[in-house]
Protein backbone atom coordinates (compact mmCIF):
# COMPACT_ATOMS: atom_id res chain seq x y z
CA MET A 1 5.80 -47.96 -27.60
CA ALA A 2 3.69 -47.75 -24.44
CA ASP A 3 -0.10 -47.58 -24.67
CA GLY A 4 -0.22 -43.92 -23.60
CA SER A 5 2.43 -42.99 -26.16
CA ARG A 6 0.56 -44.77 -28.94
CA ARG A 7 -2.70 -43.05 -28.07
CA THR A 8 -0.91 -39.68 -27.90
CA ALA A 9 0.76 -40.28 -31.29
CA ILE A 10 -2.57 -41.27 -32.87
CA LEU A 11 -4.32 -38.22 -31.44
CA ALA A 12 -1.54 -35.87 -32.64
CA ALA A 13 -1.73 -37.38 -36.13
CA ALA A 14 -5.54 -37.12 -36.10
CA LYS A 15 -5.44 -33.44 -35.07
CA ALA A 16 -3.07 -32.72 -37.96
CA GLU A 17 -5.06 -34.77 -40.49
CA PHE A 18 -8.50 -33.40 -39.59
CA GLY A 19 -7.04 -29.92 -39.29
CA ALA A 20 -5.50 -30.09 -42.75
CA HIS A 21 -8.26 -31.95 -44.59
CA GLY A 22 -11.48 -31.65 -42.61
CA TYR A 23 -13.56 -34.68 -41.72
CA SER A 24 -14.64 -35.75 -45.20
CA ASP A 25 -11.20 -35.69 -46.81
CA ALA A 26 -9.25 -36.99 -43.81
CA ARG A 27 -7.94 -40.53 -44.28
CA VAL A 28 -7.62 -43.01 -41.44
CA GLU A 29 -4.77 -44.69 -43.34
CA ARG A 30 -2.72 -41.46 -43.27
CA ILE A 31 -3.42 -41.01 -39.56
CA ALA A 32 -2.25 -44.57 -38.83
CA SER A 33 0.84 -44.14 -41.02
CA THR A 34 1.76 -40.79 -39.44
CA ALA A 35 1.34 -42.28 -35.95
CA SER A 36 3.33 -45.40 -36.99
CA VAL A 37 0.54 -47.77 -35.98
CA ASN A 38 -1.82 -50.02 -37.89
CA LYS A 39 -5.49 -49.16 -38.43
CA GLN A 40 -6.64 -51.91 -36.09
CA LEU A 41 -4.79 -50.31 -33.18
CA LEU A 42 -6.23 -46.93 -34.10
CA PHE A 43 -9.74 -48.40 -33.94
CA HIS A 44 -8.87 -50.19 -30.69
CA TYR A 45 -8.33 -46.80 -29.04
CA PHE A 46 -10.99 -44.74 -30.81
CA ASP A 47 -13.59 -47.23 -32.19
CA SER A 48 -14.23 -45.41 -35.48
CA LYS A 49 -13.34 -42.42 -37.62
CA ASP A 50 -16.13 -40.52 -35.81
CA GLY A 51 -14.67 -41.44 -32.42
CA LEU A 52 -11.24 -40.30 -33.55
CA TYR A 53 -12.67 -37.05 -34.90
CA ILE A 54 -14.50 -36.33 -31.63
CA ALA A 55 -11.27 -36.93 -29.67
CA ALA A 56 -9.27 -34.72 -32.06
CA VAL A 57 -11.80 -31.88 -31.85
CA SER A 58 -11.84 -32.17 -28.06
CA ALA A 59 -8.03 -31.94 -27.98
CA LEU A 60 -8.01 -28.93 -30.33
CA LEU A 61 -10.55 -27.06 -28.19
CA ALA A 62 -9.15 -28.08 -24.80
CA ASP A 63 -7.35 -24.82 -24.08
CA PHE A 64 -10.11 -22.48 -25.22
CA PRO A 65 -11.22 -20.07 -23.98
CA GLN A 66 -8.53 -19.09 -21.50
CA PRO A 67 -9.85 -17.42 -18.35
CA THR A 68 -9.39 -13.65 -18.27
CA PRO A 69 -6.76 -12.60 -15.72
CA PRO A 70 -8.25 -11.04 -12.57
CA GLY A 71 -8.04 -7.33 -11.82
CA LEU A 72 -8.42 -6.01 -15.37
CA THR A 73 -10.78 -3.17 -16.23
CA PRO A 74 -13.47 -4.11 -18.78
CA SER A 75 -11.49 -2.30 -21.51
CA GLU A 76 -8.31 -4.19 -20.60
CA ALA A 77 -10.21 -7.48 -20.37
CA LEU A 78 -11.79 -6.99 -23.81
CA ARG A 79 -8.39 -6.15 -25.33
CA TRP A 80 -6.84 -9.13 -23.58
CA ILE A 81 -9.44 -11.69 -24.67
CA ALA A 82 -9.50 -10.47 -28.30
CA THR A 83 -5.70 -10.52 -28.48
CA GLU A 84 -5.53 -13.93 -26.81
CA LEU A 85 -8.20 -15.39 -29.08
CA VAL A 86 -6.23 -14.46 -32.21
CA ARG A 87 -3.04 -15.81 -30.66
CA GLN A 88 -4.63 -19.09 -29.59
CA VAL A 89 -6.43 -19.75 -32.86
CA SER A 90 -3.27 -18.92 -34.82
CA ALA A 91 -1.18 -21.20 -32.61
CA SER A 92 -3.51 -24.16 -33.06
CA PRO A 93 -3.07 -25.60 -36.53
CA GLY A 94 -6.28 -27.08 -37.77
CA LEU A 95 -8.66 -25.26 -35.45
CA VAL A 96 -10.06 -23.04 -38.20
CA ARG A 97 -10.70 -26.07 -40.43
CA VAL A 98 -12.43 -27.90 -37.60
CA LEU A 99 -14.58 -24.85 -36.92
CA ALA A 100 -15.55 -24.82 -40.60
CA ASP A 101 -16.62 -28.47 -40.24
CA ARG A 102 -19.03 -27.52 -37.43
CA THR A 103 -22.11 -28.14 -39.54
CA ARG A 104 -21.12 -31.76 -40.16
CA GLY A 105 -23.63 -33.92 -38.34
CA THR A 106 -26.02 -32.90 -35.63
CA ALA A 107 -25.04 -30.93 -32.55
CA THR A 108 -26.23 -33.58 -30.11
CA PRO A 109 -24.20 -34.06 -26.92
CA GLY A 110 -21.08 -36.12 -27.44
CA THR A 111 -20.62 -35.16 -31.08
CA ALA A 112 -17.86 -32.98 -32.51
CA SER A 113 -20.48 -30.50 -33.75
CA HIS A 114 -21.77 -30.16 -30.19
CA GLN A 115 -18.26 -29.62 -28.84
CA ILE A 116 -17.62 -26.88 -31.40
CA SER A 117 -20.98 -25.24 -30.72
CA GLU A 118 -20.24 -25.33 -26.97
CA TRP A 119 -16.81 -23.77 -27.55
CA LEU A 120 -18.28 -20.97 -29.64
CA SER A 121 -21.00 -20.41 -27.03
CA GLU A 122 -18.54 -20.32 -24.10
CA THR A 123 -16.24 -17.93 -25.95
CA ALA A 124 -19.17 -15.65 -26.82
CA GLN A 125 -20.43 -15.78 -23.22
CA SER A 126 -17.00 -14.71 -21.93
CA LEU A 127 -16.98 -11.75 -24.30
CA CYS A 128 -20.61 -10.83 -23.50
CA ALA A 129 -19.86 -10.88 -19.77
CA ILE A 130 -16.97 -8.44 -20.29
CA VAL A 131 -19.12 -6.08 -22.37
CA LEU A 132 -22.00 -6.24 -19.88
CA ASP A 133 -19.61 -5.54 -17.01
CA GLY A 134 -18.21 -2.61 -18.96
CA GLN A 135 -21.70 -1.25 -19.53
CA LYS A 136 -22.64 -1.59 -15.84
CA THR A 137 -19.48 0.15 -14.67
CA GLY A 138 -19.58 2.95 -17.24
CA PHE A 139 -16.61 1.86 -19.34
CA PHE A 140 -18.72 0.93 -22.37
CA ARG A 141 -21.66 2.48 -24.17
CA ASP A 142 -25.06 1.17 -23.14
CA ASP A 143 -26.39 1.10 -26.72
CA LEU A 144 -24.21 -1.91 -27.66
CA SER A 145 -25.41 -5.45 -28.16
CA PRO A 146 -22.94 -7.61 -26.20
CA GLN A 147 -23.77 -10.56 -28.46
CA ASP A 148 -22.96 -8.53 -31.60
CA VAL A 149 -19.63 -7.45 -30.12
CA ALA A 150 -18.84 -11.07 -29.17
CA ASN A 151 -19.75 -12.42 -32.61
CA THR A 152 -17.68 -9.74 -34.34
CA VAL A 153 -14.60 -10.36 -32.18
CA ILE A 154 -14.81 -14.14 -32.67
CA ALA A 155 -15.34 -13.92 -36.44
CA THR A 156 -12.57 -11.35 -36.84
CA ALA A 157 -10.12 -13.35 -34.72
CA ILE A 158 -10.76 -16.49 -36.76
CA GLY A 159 -10.59 -14.53 -40.02
CA VAL A 160 -7.30 -12.82 -39.15
CA SER A 161 -5.81 -16.17 -38.14
CA LEU A 162 -6.96 -17.81 -41.36
CA LEU A 163 -5.82 -14.92 -43.54
CA ASP A 164 -2.43 -14.78 -41.86
CA ARG A 165 -1.92 -18.51 -42.28
CA HIS A 166 -2.91 -18.72 -45.94
CA ASP A 167 -2.07 -15.36 -47.53
CA ALA A 168 1.64 -14.54 -47.77
CA SER A 169 0.85 -10.97 -48.75
CA GLY A 170 -1.73 -10.49 -45.99
CA PRO A 171 -1.60 -9.60 -42.31
CA GLY A 172 1.48 -10.74 -40.47
CA SER A 173 3.53 -11.37 -43.62
CA GLU A 174 6.18 -8.90 -42.50
CA THR A 175 6.54 -10.38 -39.03
CA GLY A 176 5.51 -13.97 -39.62
CA ASP A 177 2.98 -13.89 -36.79
CA THR A 178 -0.32 -12.31 -35.84
CA SER A 179 0.85 -10.41 -32.77
CA SER A 180 0.38 -6.93 -34.24
CA PHE A 181 -3.02 -7.81 -35.68
CA SER A 182 -4.22 -9.39 -32.45
CA THR A 183 -3.27 -6.20 -30.62
CA ILE A 184 -5.07 -4.10 -33.22
CA LEU A 185 -8.23 -6.24 -32.92
CA GLY A 186 -8.19 -5.92 -29.14
CA GLN A 187 -7.78 -2.16 -29.32
CA MET A 188 -10.46 -1.78 -32.02
CA ALA A 189 -12.96 -3.78 -29.94
CA ALA A 190 -12.28 -1.70 -26.82
CA ASP A 191 -12.43 1.56 -28.78
CA TYR A 192 -15.71 0.57 -30.44
CA CYS A 193 -17.31 -0.19 -27.08
CA ALA A 194 -16.01 2.93 -25.32
CA TRP A 195 -17.98 6.13 -24.90
CA ARG A 196 -17.13 8.65 -27.62
């Protein structure tokens, strides 16, 4: 196996292991076994369990947040980003578990906690910018706190994704995906922000 393939296999196994078990319960031995490498090679590429965790978190967060398509009204942009956030979190096994591990360690630059905090901050900033734009252009009420809207959308998107993944009788059980609930969240957010 080529060096790049080995590193890719290790990283894929690490994302699955940390995503399923969190940092504390993840086992380097399982990661090495899943990637079909020995532990020494794993440490050659990533130095330590911490180094592997930081790389796995970085890979899990790499595609978030997606940029909002140009030309959307603030209402359309808010619906789009809320819908997309649910879809992306649902499509990324382990992301919710990694987000729950955010408090592990300090949020100093270069740590997984810092990466997660940065991701949450960037996602909230994207949502706040949409709400502020909507307020300036008359689409949204001016008595809203953009930060509160952002926090609510993020928490709800993560919660819907987690509920759908772990509760067979919960949202998405009829369809096997979160598409209808992501659409509902997007519409609810836009309706909440709109003038009544």
